N, C-alpha and C. Protein backbone atom coordinates (compact mmCIF):
# COMPACT_ATOMS: atom_id res chain seq x y z
N UNK A 1 9.78 -14.31 -17.42
CA UNK A 1 9.03 -13.21 -16.86
C UNK A 1 8.16 -13.72 -15.73
N UNK A 2 8.05 -12.96 -14.65
CA UNK A 2 7.13 -13.30 -13.56
C UNK A 2 5.70 -13.26 -14.08
N UNK A 3 4.77 -13.79 -13.29
CA UNK A 3 3.38 -13.78 -13.70
C UNK A 3 2.84 -12.36 -13.88
N UNK A 4 3.33 -11.41 -13.07
CA UNK A 4 2.86 -10.03 -13.18
C UNK A 4 4.03 -9.08 -12.93
N UNK A 5 4.25 -8.20 -13.89
CA UNK A 5 5.26 -7.15 -13.73
C UNK A 5 4.54 -5.82 -13.73
N UNK A 6 4.83 -5.00 -12.73
CA UNK A 6 4.22 -3.68 -12.63
C UNK A 6 5.31 -2.62 -12.77
N UNK A 7 5.03 -1.61 -13.61
CA UNK A 7 6.00 -0.56 -13.91
C UNK A 7 5.35 0.79 -13.69
N UNK A 8 6.10 1.69 -13.06
CA UNK A 8 5.64 3.07 -12.89
C UNK A 8 6.60 3.97 -13.64
N UNK A 9 6.07 4.88 -14.43
CA UNK A 9 6.84 5.84 -15.21
C UNK A 9 6.70 7.21 -14.58
N UNK A 10 7.83 7.92 -14.44
CA UNK A 10 7.82 9.32 -13.99
C UNK A 10 8.43 10.17 -15.10
N UNK A 11 7.71 11.19 -15.50
CA UNK A 11 8.22 12.09 -16.52
C UNK A 11 7.57 13.45 -16.37
N UNK A 12 7.76 14.27 -17.37
CA UNK A 12 7.13 15.58 -17.42
C UNK A 12 6.28 15.64 -18.68
N UNK A 13 5.19 16.39 -18.60
CA UNK A 13 4.31 16.53 -19.75
C UNK A 13 5.09 16.94 -20.98
N UNK A 14 4.89 16.23 -22.08
CA UNK A 14 5.56 16.54 -23.33
C UNK A 14 6.79 15.70 -23.60
N UNK A 15 7.23 14.90 -22.63
CA UNK A 15 8.43 14.07 -22.83
C UNK A 15 8.10 12.68 -23.38
N UNK A 16 6.83 12.33 -23.41
CA UNK A 16 6.45 11.06 -23.99
C UNK A 16 6.39 9.88 -23.05
N UNK A 17 6.38 10.10 -21.74
CA UNK A 17 6.30 8.97 -20.80
C UNK A 17 4.99 8.21 -20.98
N UNK A 18 3.89 8.94 -21.12
CA UNK A 18 2.59 8.30 -21.34
C UNK A 18 2.62 7.51 -22.65
N UNK A 19 3.12 8.11 -23.70
CA UNK A 19 3.20 7.43 -25.00
C UNK A 19 4.06 6.17 -24.90
N UNK A 20 5.20 6.27 -24.23
CA UNK A 20 6.08 5.10 -24.09
C UNK A 20 5.39 3.98 -23.32
N UNK A 21 4.64 4.33 -22.26
CA UNK A 21 3.95 3.28 -21.49
C UNK A 21 2.89 2.60 -22.35
N UNK A 22 2.22 3.37 -23.21
CA UNK A 22 1.21 2.77 -24.09
C UNK A 22 1.85 1.94 -25.19
N UNK A 23 3.00 2.40 -25.72
CA UNK A 23 3.73 1.61 -26.72
C UNK A 23 4.21 0.29 -26.11
N UNK A 24 4.68 0.35 -24.87
CA UNK A 24 5.11 -0.88 -24.18
C UNK A 24 3.94 -1.84 -24.02
N UNK A 25 2.78 -1.30 -23.64
CA UNK A 25 1.59 -2.14 -23.48
C UNK A 25 1.23 -2.80 -24.81
N UNK A 26 1.24 -2.04 -25.89
CA UNK A 26 0.93 -2.60 -27.20
C UNK A 26 1.92 -3.68 -27.61
N UNK A 27 3.21 -3.40 -27.41
CA UNK A 27 4.24 -4.37 -27.79
C UNK A 27 4.11 -5.66 -26.99
N UNK A 28 3.86 -5.53 -25.68
CA UNK A 28 3.70 -6.72 -24.84
C UNK A 28 2.45 -7.51 -25.25
N UNK A 29 1.38 -6.80 -25.56
CA UNK A 29 0.15 -7.44 -26.02
C UNK A 29 0.41 -8.23 -27.30
N UNK A 30 1.20 -7.66 -28.19
CA UNK A 30 1.49 -8.32 -29.46
C UNK A 30 2.39 -9.53 -29.31
N UNK A 31 3.00 -9.70 -28.14
CA UNK A 31 3.77 -10.92 -27.88
C UNK A 31 2.94 -11.94 -27.09
N UNK A 32 1.63 -11.67 -26.96
CA UNK A 32 0.74 -12.63 -26.32
C UNK A 32 0.51 -12.42 -24.84
N UNK A 33 0.93 -11.30 -24.32
CA UNK A 33 0.77 -11.04 -22.89
C UNK A 33 -0.52 -10.26 -22.61
N UNK A 34 -0.95 -10.32 -21.38
CA UNK A 34 -2.06 -9.50 -20.92
C UNK A 34 -1.46 -8.18 -20.44
N UNK A 35 -2.15 -7.08 -20.70
CA UNK A 35 -1.53 -5.78 -20.42
C UNK A 35 -2.52 -4.77 -19.86
N UNK A 36 -1.96 -3.79 -19.19
CA UNK A 36 -2.64 -2.54 -18.85
C UNK A 36 -1.61 -1.43 -19.03
N UNK A 37 -2.06 -0.31 -19.54
CA UNK A 37 -1.21 0.87 -19.68
C UNK A 37 -2.08 2.09 -19.49
N UNK A 38 -1.75 2.92 -18.50
CA UNK A 38 -2.62 4.06 -18.22
C UNK A 38 -1.83 5.18 -17.55
N UNK A 39 -2.21 6.43 -17.83
CA UNK A 39 -1.53 7.58 -17.22
C UNK A 39 -2.30 8.11 -16.01
N UNK A 40 -1.61 8.95 -15.25
CA UNK A 40 -2.24 9.70 -14.16
C UNK A 40 -1.56 11.06 -14.15
N UNK A 41 -2.34 12.11 -14.26
CA UNK A 41 -1.74 13.43 -14.16
C UNK A 41 -2.70 14.41 -13.52
N UNK A 42 -2.12 15.47 -13.00
CA UNK A 42 -2.90 16.55 -12.41
C UNK A 42 -3.17 17.58 -13.49
N UNK A 43 -2.83 18.83 -13.21
CA UNK A 43 -3.05 19.86 -14.24
C UNK A 43 -2.24 19.50 -15.49
N UNK A 44 -2.93 19.36 -16.59
CA UNK A 44 -2.29 18.93 -17.82
C UNK A 44 -1.59 20.10 -18.50
N UNK A 45 -0.31 20.23 -18.24
CA UNK A 45 0.45 21.29 -18.90
C UNK A 45 1.85 20.79 -19.20
N UNK A 46 2.43 21.37 -20.23
CA UNK A 46 3.77 21.00 -20.65
C UNK A 46 4.74 21.21 -19.48
N UNK A 47 5.54 20.20 -19.19
CA UNK A 47 6.54 20.31 -18.14
C UNK A 47 6.09 19.87 -16.76
N UNK A 48 4.79 19.68 -16.56
CA UNK A 48 4.28 19.25 -15.25
C UNK A 48 4.59 17.77 -15.04
N UNK A 49 4.89 17.36 -13.80
CA UNK A 49 5.15 15.94 -13.54
C UNK A 49 3.94 15.08 -13.89
N UNK A 50 4.19 13.98 -14.53
CA UNK A 50 3.13 13.01 -14.82
C UNK A 50 3.62 11.62 -14.41
N UNK A 51 2.66 10.75 -14.20
CA UNK A 51 2.95 9.36 -13.87
C UNK A 51 2.15 8.48 -14.81
N UNK A 52 2.75 7.43 -15.28
CA UNK A 52 2.05 6.45 -16.11
C UNK A 52 2.39 5.06 -15.57
N UNK A 53 1.57 4.10 -15.93
CA UNK A 53 1.72 2.76 -15.37
C UNK A 53 1.55 1.69 -16.42
N UNK A 54 2.20 0.54 -16.16
CA UNK A 54 2.00 -0.67 -16.95
C UNK A 54 1.86 -1.85 -16.02
N UNK A 55 0.96 -2.73 -16.38
CA UNK A 55 0.91 -4.08 -15.81
C UNK A 55 1.03 -5.03 -17.00
N UNK A 56 1.91 -6.01 -16.86
CA UNK A 56 2.14 -6.97 -17.94
C UNK A 56 2.21 -8.35 -17.31
N UNK A 57 1.45 -9.28 -17.88
CA UNK A 57 1.36 -10.60 -17.27
C UNK A 57 1.15 -11.68 -18.32
N UNK A 58 1.50 -12.91 -17.94
CA UNK A 58 1.20 -14.06 -18.79
C UNK A 58 -0.21 -14.59 -18.53
N UNK A 59 -0.87 -14.04 -17.51
CA UNK A 59 -2.22 -14.47 -17.12
C UNK A 59 -3.13 -13.24 -17.12
N UNK A 60 -4.45 -13.45 -17.20
CA UNK A 60 -5.36 -12.30 -17.14
C UNK A 60 -5.12 -11.46 -15.89
N UNK A 61 -5.25 -10.15 -16.05
CA UNK A 61 -5.02 -9.20 -14.96
C UNK A 61 -6.36 -8.78 -14.39
N UNK A 62 -6.54 -8.97 -13.10
CA UNK A 62 -7.82 -8.63 -12.47
C UNK A 62 -7.72 -7.40 -11.57
N UNK A 63 -6.54 -6.82 -11.45
CA UNK A 63 -6.33 -5.63 -10.62
C UNK A 63 -6.65 -4.40 -11.48
N UNK A 64 -7.37 -3.45 -10.91
CA UNK A 64 -7.71 -2.22 -11.64
C UNK A 64 -7.52 -1.03 -10.72
N UNK A 65 -6.27 -0.73 -10.42
CA UNK A 65 -5.95 0.41 -9.55
C UNK A 65 -4.60 0.95 -9.96
N UNK A 66 -4.20 2.05 -9.35
CA UNK A 66 -2.85 2.54 -9.56
C UNK A 66 -1.87 1.50 -9.04
N UNK A 67 -0.61 1.70 -9.34
CA UNK A 67 0.43 0.77 -8.90
C UNK A 67 1.18 1.42 -7.75
N UNK A 68 1.13 0.78 -6.60
CA UNK A 68 1.76 1.34 -5.40
C UNK A 68 3.07 0.66 -5.04
N UNK A 69 3.27 -0.56 -5.52
CA UNK A 69 4.51 -1.30 -5.24
C UNK A 69 5.04 -1.87 -6.56
N UNK A 70 5.60 -0.99 -7.40
CA UNK A 70 6.07 -1.44 -8.71
C UNK A 70 7.30 -2.32 -8.62
N UNK A 71 7.44 -3.16 -9.64
CA UNK A 71 8.66 -3.96 -9.79
C UNK A 71 9.77 -3.10 -10.39
N UNK A 72 9.35 -2.18 -11.28
CA UNK A 72 10.31 -1.32 -11.97
C UNK A 72 9.78 0.11 -12.01
N UNK A 73 10.72 1.05 -12.00
CA UNK A 73 10.39 2.46 -12.15
C UNK A 73 11.25 3.02 -13.28
N UNK A 74 10.63 3.83 -14.13
CA UNK A 74 11.33 4.50 -15.22
C UNK A 74 11.26 6.00 -14.92
N UNK A 75 12.42 6.65 -14.87
CA UNK A 75 12.48 8.10 -14.63
C UNK A 75 12.98 8.74 -15.92
N UNK A 76 12.07 9.40 -16.62
CA UNK A 76 12.37 9.98 -17.93
C UNK A 76 13.13 11.30 -17.78
N UNK A 77 12.97 11.97 -16.65
CA UNK A 77 13.60 13.28 -16.42
C UNK A 77 14.26 13.27 -15.05
N UNK A 78 15.61 13.33 -15.02
CA UNK A 78 16.31 13.21 -13.74
C UNK A 78 16.08 14.40 -12.80
N UNK A 79 15.51 15.51 -13.28
CA UNK A 79 15.20 16.61 -12.36
C UNK A 79 14.09 16.21 -11.39
N UNK A 80 13.33 15.19 -11.73
CA UNK A 80 12.28 14.71 -10.84
C UNK A 80 12.86 14.06 -9.58
N UNK A 81 14.13 13.66 -9.63
CA UNK A 81 14.76 13.08 -8.44
C UNK A 81 14.80 14.09 -7.30
N UNK A 82 14.75 15.37 -7.64
CA UNK A 82 14.78 16.44 -6.64
C UNK A 82 13.44 16.64 -5.95
N UNK A 83 12.34 16.30 -6.64
CA UNK A 83 11.02 16.67 -6.13
C UNK A 83 10.02 15.53 -5.95
N UNK A 84 10.30 14.37 -6.51
CA UNK A 84 9.37 13.25 -6.46
C UNK A 84 10.07 12.05 -5.83
N UNK A 85 9.37 11.35 -4.93
CA UNK A 85 9.92 10.14 -4.33
C UNK A 85 9.73 8.99 -5.32
N UNK A 86 10.65 8.90 -6.28
CA UNK A 86 10.50 7.94 -7.37
C UNK A 86 10.64 6.49 -6.91
N UNK A 87 11.23 6.26 -5.74
CA UNK A 87 11.38 4.89 -5.25
C UNK A 87 10.26 4.47 -4.30
N UNK A 88 9.29 5.31 -4.11
CA UNK A 88 8.17 4.98 -3.21
C UNK A 88 7.55 3.64 -3.60
N UNK A 89 7.59 2.68 -2.68
CA UNK A 89 6.99 1.38 -2.90
C UNK A 89 7.77 0.46 -3.83
N UNK A 90 8.87 0.93 -4.40
CA UNK A 90 9.62 0.13 -5.37
C UNK A 90 10.20 -1.12 -4.70
N UNK A 91 9.91 -2.27 -5.30
CA UNK A 91 10.39 -3.54 -4.74
C UNK A 91 11.90 -3.63 -4.87
N UNK A 92 12.54 -4.13 -3.84
CA UNK A 92 14.00 -4.25 -3.82
C UNK A 92 14.53 -5.21 -4.89
N UNK A 93 13.71 -6.19 -5.29
CA UNK A 93 14.20 -7.16 -6.29
C UNK A 93 13.90 -6.71 -7.72
N UNK A 94 13.40 -5.50 -7.88
CA UNK A 94 13.14 -4.95 -9.21
C UNK A 94 14.29 -4.06 -9.62
N UNK A 95 13.96 -2.87 -10.10
CA UNK A 95 15.00 -1.94 -10.50
C UNK A 95 14.42 -0.61 -10.95
N UNK A 96 15.30 0.36 -11.03
CA UNK A 96 14.94 1.69 -11.50
C UNK A 96 15.88 2.07 -12.63
N UNK A 97 15.33 2.64 -13.69
CA UNK A 97 16.16 3.10 -14.81
C UNK A 97 15.93 4.61 -14.95
N UNK A 98 17.03 5.34 -15.00
CA UNK A 98 16.97 6.80 -14.98
C UNK A 98 17.68 7.37 -16.21
N UNK A 99 17.03 8.30 -16.86
CA UNK A 99 17.62 9.06 -17.96
C UNK A 99 18.49 10.14 -17.32
N UNK A 100 19.80 9.94 -17.35
CA UNK A 100 20.69 10.88 -16.67
C UNK A 100 22.12 10.76 -17.17
N UNK A 101 22.88 11.82 -16.92
CA UNK A 101 24.33 11.78 -17.12
C UNK A 101 25.04 12.00 -15.79
N UNK A 102 24.26 12.10 -14.71
CA UNK A 102 24.82 12.34 -13.38
C UNK A 102 25.58 11.10 -12.91
N UNK A 103 26.54 11.31 -11.99
CA UNK A 103 27.34 10.18 -11.52
C UNK A 103 26.58 9.35 -10.48
N UNK A 104 27.10 8.16 -10.23
CA UNK A 104 26.46 7.19 -9.35
C UNK A 104 26.24 7.74 -7.94
N UNK A 105 27.22 8.48 -7.41
CA UNK A 105 27.07 9.01 -6.05
C UNK A 105 25.90 9.98 -5.96
N UNK A 106 25.76 10.85 -6.95
CA UNK A 106 24.65 11.81 -6.96
C UNK A 106 23.32 11.05 -7.01
N UNK A 107 23.22 10.09 -7.93
CA UNK A 107 21.97 9.35 -8.09
C UNK A 107 21.60 8.63 -6.80
N UNK A 108 22.56 7.92 -6.23
CA UNK A 108 22.28 7.19 -4.99
C UNK A 108 21.86 8.12 -3.87
N UNK A 109 22.44 9.32 -3.82
CA UNK A 109 22.06 10.29 -2.78
C UNK A 109 20.62 10.75 -2.94
N UNK A 110 20.10 10.74 -4.15
CA UNK A 110 18.72 11.18 -4.41
C UNK A 110 17.71 10.05 -4.23
N UNK A 111 18.17 8.81 -4.15
CA UNK A 111 17.26 7.68 -4.04
C UNK A 111 17.08 7.20 -2.61
N UNK A 112 17.61 7.96 -1.67
CA UNK A 112 17.39 7.65 -0.25
C UNK A 112 17.92 6.30 0.14
N UNK A 113 17.05 5.50 0.77
CA UNK A 113 17.46 4.20 1.30
C UNK A 113 17.27 3.06 0.31
N UNK A 114 16.94 3.37 -0.93
CA UNK A 114 16.71 2.31 -1.91
C UNK A 114 18.01 1.55 -2.16
N UNK A 115 17.95 0.22 -2.07
CA UNK A 115 19.15 -0.61 -2.22
C UNK A 115 19.05 -1.58 -3.39
N UNK A 116 17.99 -1.45 -4.20
CA UNK A 116 17.82 -2.34 -5.35
C UNK A 116 18.70 -1.92 -6.52
N UNK A 117 18.45 -2.52 -7.65
CA UNK A 117 19.24 -2.27 -8.85
C UNK A 117 18.92 -0.90 -9.44
N UNK A 118 19.98 -0.21 -9.85
CA UNK A 118 19.86 1.12 -10.46
C UNK A 118 20.53 1.07 -11.83
N UNK A 119 19.80 1.52 -12.84
CA UNK A 119 20.31 1.55 -14.21
C UNK A 119 20.24 2.99 -14.72
N UNK A 120 21.17 3.34 -15.58
CA UNK A 120 21.14 4.67 -16.19
C UNK A 120 21.28 4.55 -17.69
N UNK A 121 20.83 5.60 -18.35
CA UNK A 121 20.95 5.71 -19.80
C UNK A 121 20.91 7.19 -20.14
N UNK A 122 21.67 7.58 -21.14
CA UNK A 122 21.65 8.97 -21.60
C UNK A 122 20.69 9.05 -22.78
N UNK A 123 19.40 9.14 -22.49
CA UNK A 123 18.38 9.17 -23.53
C UNK A 123 18.46 10.45 -24.35
N UNK A 124 18.97 11.52 -23.76
CA UNK A 124 19.12 12.78 -24.52
C UNK A 124 20.11 12.58 -25.67
N UNK A 125 21.28 12.06 -25.34
CA UNK A 125 22.31 11.86 -26.37
C UNK A 125 21.83 10.89 -27.44
N UNK A 126 21.23 9.79 -27.00
CA UNK A 126 20.76 8.79 -27.96
C UNK A 126 19.72 9.39 -28.90
N UNK A 127 18.74 10.10 -28.34
CA UNK A 127 17.67 10.63 -29.21
C UNK A 127 18.20 11.73 -30.12
N UNK A 128 19.09 12.56 -29.65
CA UNK A 128 19.64 13.61 -30.51
C UNK A 128 20.50 12.99 -31.61
N UNK A 129 21.32 11.99 -31.25
CA UNK A 129 22.14 11.32 -32.27
C UNK A 129 21.28 10.60 -33.31
N UNK A 130 20.22 9.92 -32.85
CA UNK A 130 19.41 9.10 -33.76
C UNK A 130 18.32 9.88 -34.47
N UNK A 131 17.75 10.89 -33.78
CA UNK A 131 16.58 11.59 -34.32
C UNK A 131 16.83 13.06 -34.65
N UNK A 132 17.93 13.59 -34.11
CA UNK A 132 18.20 15.01 -34.33
C UNK A 132 17.43 15.92 -33.39
N UNK A 133 16.62 15.34 -32.51
CA UNK A 133 15.83 16.11 -31.53
C UNK A 133 15.76 15.32 -30.24
N UNK A 134 15.34 16.00 -29.17
CA UNK A 134 15.26 15.35 -27.87
C UNK A 134 13.88 14.75 -27.64
N UNK A 135 13.79 13.45 -27.85
CA UNK A 135 12.60 12.67 -27.55
C UNK A 135 13.05 11.48 -26.70
N UNK A 136 13.04 11.63 -25.37
CA UNK A 136 13.60 10.57 -24.51
C UNK A 136 12.77 9.31 -24.42
N UNK A 137 11.51 9.35 -24.84
CA UNK A 137 10.65 8.20 -24.60
C UNK A 137 11.08 6.94 -25.35
N UNK A 138 11.57 7.08 -26.58
CA UNK A 138 11.96 5.89 -27.34
C UNK A 138 13.14 5.16 -26.68
N UNK A 139 14.23 5.87 -26.31
CA UNK A 139 15.31 5.16 -25.61
C UNK A 139 14.87 4.58 -24.26
N UNK A 140 13.99 5.28 -23.55
CA UNK A 140 13.54 4.79 -22.24
C UNK A 140 12.69 3.53 -22.40
N UNK A 141 11.91 3.46 -23.46
CA UNK A 141 11.13 2.26 -23.74
C UNK A 141 12.06 1.06 -23.92
N UNK A 142 13.10 1.23 -24.72
CA UNK A 142 14.07 0.15 -24.93
C UNK A 142 14.76 -0.23 -23.62
N UNK A 143 15.10 0.78 -22.82
CA UNK A 143 15.81 0.51 -21.56
C UNK A 143 14.97 -0.34 -20.61
N UNK A 144 13.68 -0.04 -20.47
CA UNK A 144 12.87 -0.81 -19.53
C UNK A 144 12.64 -2.23 -20.05
N UNK A 145 12.53 -2.38 -21.36
CA UNK A 145 12.40 -3.73 -21.91
C UNK A 145 13.66 -4.53 -21.62
N UNK A 146 14.81 -3.90 -21.80
CA UNK A 146 16.09 -4.59 -21.59
C UNK A 146 16.26 -5.04 -20.14
N UNK A 147 15.97 -4.14 -19.19
CA UNK A 147 16.24 -4.51 -17.79
C UNK A 147 15.16 -5.41 -17.18
N UNK A 148 13.94 -5.36 -17.72
CA UNK A 148 12.85 -6.14 -17.13
C UNK A 148 12.68 -7.51 -17.76
N UNK A 149 13.15 -7.69 -19.00
CA UNK A 149 12.99 -8.97 -19.67
C UNK A 149 11.55 -9.26 -20.08
N UNK A 150 10.73 -8.23 -20.22
CA UNK A 150 9.33 -8.40 -20.61
C UNK A 150 9.23 -9.14 -21.94
N UNK A 151 10.15 -8.82 -22.84
CA UNK A 151 10.22 -9.48 -24.14
C UNK A 151 11.67 -9.43 -24.59
N UNK A 152 11.97 -10.13 -25.65
CA UNK A 152 13.34 -10.11 -26.15
C UNK A 152 13.59 -8.81 -26.92
N UNK A 153 14.85 -8.48 -27.11
CA UNK A 153 15.21 -7.32 -27.92
C UNK A 153 14.60 -7.44 -29.32
N UNK A 154 14.68 -8.64 -29.88
CA UNK A 154 14.18 -8.87 -31.23
C UNK A 154 12.68 -8.66 -31.30
N UNK A 155 11.95 -9.16 -30.29
CA UNK A 155 10.49 -8.96 -30.27
C UNK A 155 10.15 -7.48 -30.21
N UNK A 156 10.88 -6.72 -29.38
CA UNK A 156 10.63 -5.29 -29.28
C UNK A 156 10.88 -4.61 -30.62
N UNK A 157 12.03 -4.87 -31.22
CA UNK A 157 12.38 -4.20 -32.46
C UNK A 157 11.40 -4.54 -33.58
N UNK A 158 11.01 -5.81 -33.65
CA UNK A 158 10.07 -6.22 -34.68
C UNK A 158 8.71 -5.54 -34.48
N UNK A 159 8.22 -5.52 -33.25
CA UNK A 159 6.93 -4.91 -32.98
C UNK A 159 6.96 -3.40 -33.21
N UNK A 160 8.03 -2.76 -32.77
CA UNK A 160 8.11 -1.31 -32.90
C UNK A 160 8.25 -0.89 -34.35
N UNK A 161 8.90 -1.70 -35.18
CA UNK A 161 8.98 -1.40 -36.62
C UNK A 161 7.57 -1.30 -37.18
N UNK A 162 6.72 -2.27 -36.85
CA UNK A 162 5.33 -2.25 -37.33
C UNK A 162 4.56 -1.09 -36.72
N UNK A 163 4.74 -0.87 -35.43
CA UNK A 163 4.04 0.21 -34.74
C UNK A 163 4.41 1.57 -35.31
N UNK A 164 5.71 1.79 -35.53
CA UNK A 164 6.16 3.08 -36.06
C UNK A 164 5.65 3.30 -37.49
N UNK A 165 5.57 2.23 -38.28
CA UNK A 165 5.05 2.37 -39.65
C UNK A 165 3.61 2.88 -39.61
N UNK A 166 2.86 2.41 -38.65
CA UNK A 166 1.47 2.85 -38.50
C UNK A 166 1.41 4.26 -37.89
N UNK A 167 2.11 4.43 -36.78
CA UNK A 167 2.07 5.70 -36.06
C UNK A 167 2.61 6.86 -36.89
N UNK A 168 3.67 6.61 -37.64
CA UNK A 168 4.31 7.67 -38.43
C UNK A 168 4.03 7.52 -39.93
N UNK A 169 2.84 7.05 -40.28
CA UNK A 169 2.49 6.83 -41.68
C UNK A 169 2.66 8.12 -42.50
N UNK A 170 2.37 9.25 -41.89
CA UNK A 170 2.49 10.53 -42.61
C UNK A 170 3.86 11.17 -42.43
N UNK A 171 4.72 10.56 -41.60
CA UNK A 171 6.09 11.06 -41.39
C UNK A 171 7.06 9.89 -41.42
N UNK A 172 7.12 9.15 -42.54
CA UNK A 172 7.96 7.95 -42.58
C UNK A 172 9.45 8.23 -42.36
N UNK A 173 9.86 9.47 -42.53
CA UNK A 173 11.27 9.81 -42.35
C UNK A 173 11.74 9.65 -40.90
N UNK A 174 10.82 9.60 -39.94
CA UNK A 174 11.23 9.47 -38.53
C UNK A 174 11.32 8.01 -38.07
N UNK A 175 10.86 7.09 -38.90
CA UNK A 175 10.87 5.68 -38.50
C UNK A 175 12.29 5.18 -38.29
N UNK A 176 13.17 5.43 -39.24
CA UNK A 176 14.55 4.95 -39.16
C UNK A 176 15.25 5.47 -37.90
N UNK A 177 15.07 6.76 -37.60
CA UNK A 177 15.69 7.35 -36.42
C UNK A 177 15.18 6.73 -35.13
N UNK A 178 13.87 6.48 -35.05
CA UNK A 178 13.31 5.86 -33.86
C UNK A 178 13.81 4.43 -33.70
N UNK A 179 13.93 3.71 -34.79
CA UNK A 179 14.47 2.34 -34.72
C UNK A 179 15.93 2.37 -34.26
N UNK A 180 16.69 3.32 -34.79
CA UNK A 180 18.09 3.46 -34.38
C UNK A 180 18.19 3.79 -32.90
N UNK A 181 17.30 4.67 -32.41
CA UNK A 181 17.30 5.03 -30.98
C UNK A 181 17.03 3.80 -30.12
N UNK A 182 16.10 2.96 -30.54
CA UNK A 182 15.82 1.72 -29.79
C UNK A 182 17.04 0.82 -29.76
N UNK A 183 17.66 0.62 -30.92
CA UNK A 183 18.81 -0.29 -31.02
C UNK A 183 19.98 0.20 -30.15
N UNK A 184 20.25 1.50 -30.19
CA UNK A 184 21.34 2.05 -29.38
C UNK A 184 21.03 1.91 -27.89
N UNK A 185 19.81 2.24 -27.52
CA UNK A 185 19.42 2.19 -26.10
C UNK A 185 19.51 0.78 -25.55
N UNK A 186 19.14 -0.21 -26.33
CA UNK A 186 19.24 -1.60 -25.87
C UNK A 186 20.68 -1.95 -25.50
N UNK A 187 21.64 -1.32 -26.17
CA UNK A 187 23.06 -1.59 -25.90
C UNK A 187 23.63 -0.71 -24.79
N UNK A 188 23.09 0.49 -24.60
CA UNK A 188 23.73 1.46 -23.72
C UNK A 188 23.16 1.58 -22.31
N UNK A 189 22.04 0.96 -22.02
CA UNK A 189 21.54 0.99 -20.65
C UNK A 189 22.51 0.20 -19.79
N UNK A 190 22.89 0.77 -18.64
CA UNK A 190 23.88 0.09 -17.81
C UNK A 190 23.53 0.17 -16.33
N UNK A 191 23.92 -0.86 -15.62
CA UNK A 191 23.69 -0.92 -14.17
C UNK A 191 24.83 -0.19 -13.48
N UNK A 192 24.49 0.61 -12.45
CA UNK A 192 25.56 1.37 -11.78
C UNK A 192 25.91 0.84 -10.40
N UNK A 193 25.16 -0.11 -9.86
CA UNK A 193 25.49 -0.54 -8.50
C UNK A 193 25.80 -2.00 -8.41
């Protein structure tokens, strides 16, 4: 891992992008890294575009601002490709991971002049298969860990097992599905270019 990895998340209110960014921060912290995880949103309403951020480093982080030149971008809702410049400031040596079933030509046409790595995952199918409902944040969390190398797959799964036991203490029946969603997503995220 580089000394500092910066990630920007794009999603819609209610899809769990903020929650996923905070879960990533917790998981990275538990592997001994320095972290920041924070959201940014305008009018707080279901379905409105939101942005969340992560900074993860092996050294103390002294920056305290939004992220303008991320190493990675996570797009939780592919309809945002129509209205948000998701590649703004994105470093060419990083990558973008998009929750989509759209073909490569469509995706590339929406990303403008971006020439870096593009990854896709069908978080809808994974979450419905694993959880019975559409919660894209769990598969997207696994996807960004896989493509960024922030931690190993095993470290993520081990940490999330503990995290889910705490988070879902009153709903233990959802732990297995969330773990399954993580495991599937780690295998199904793929590079398209």
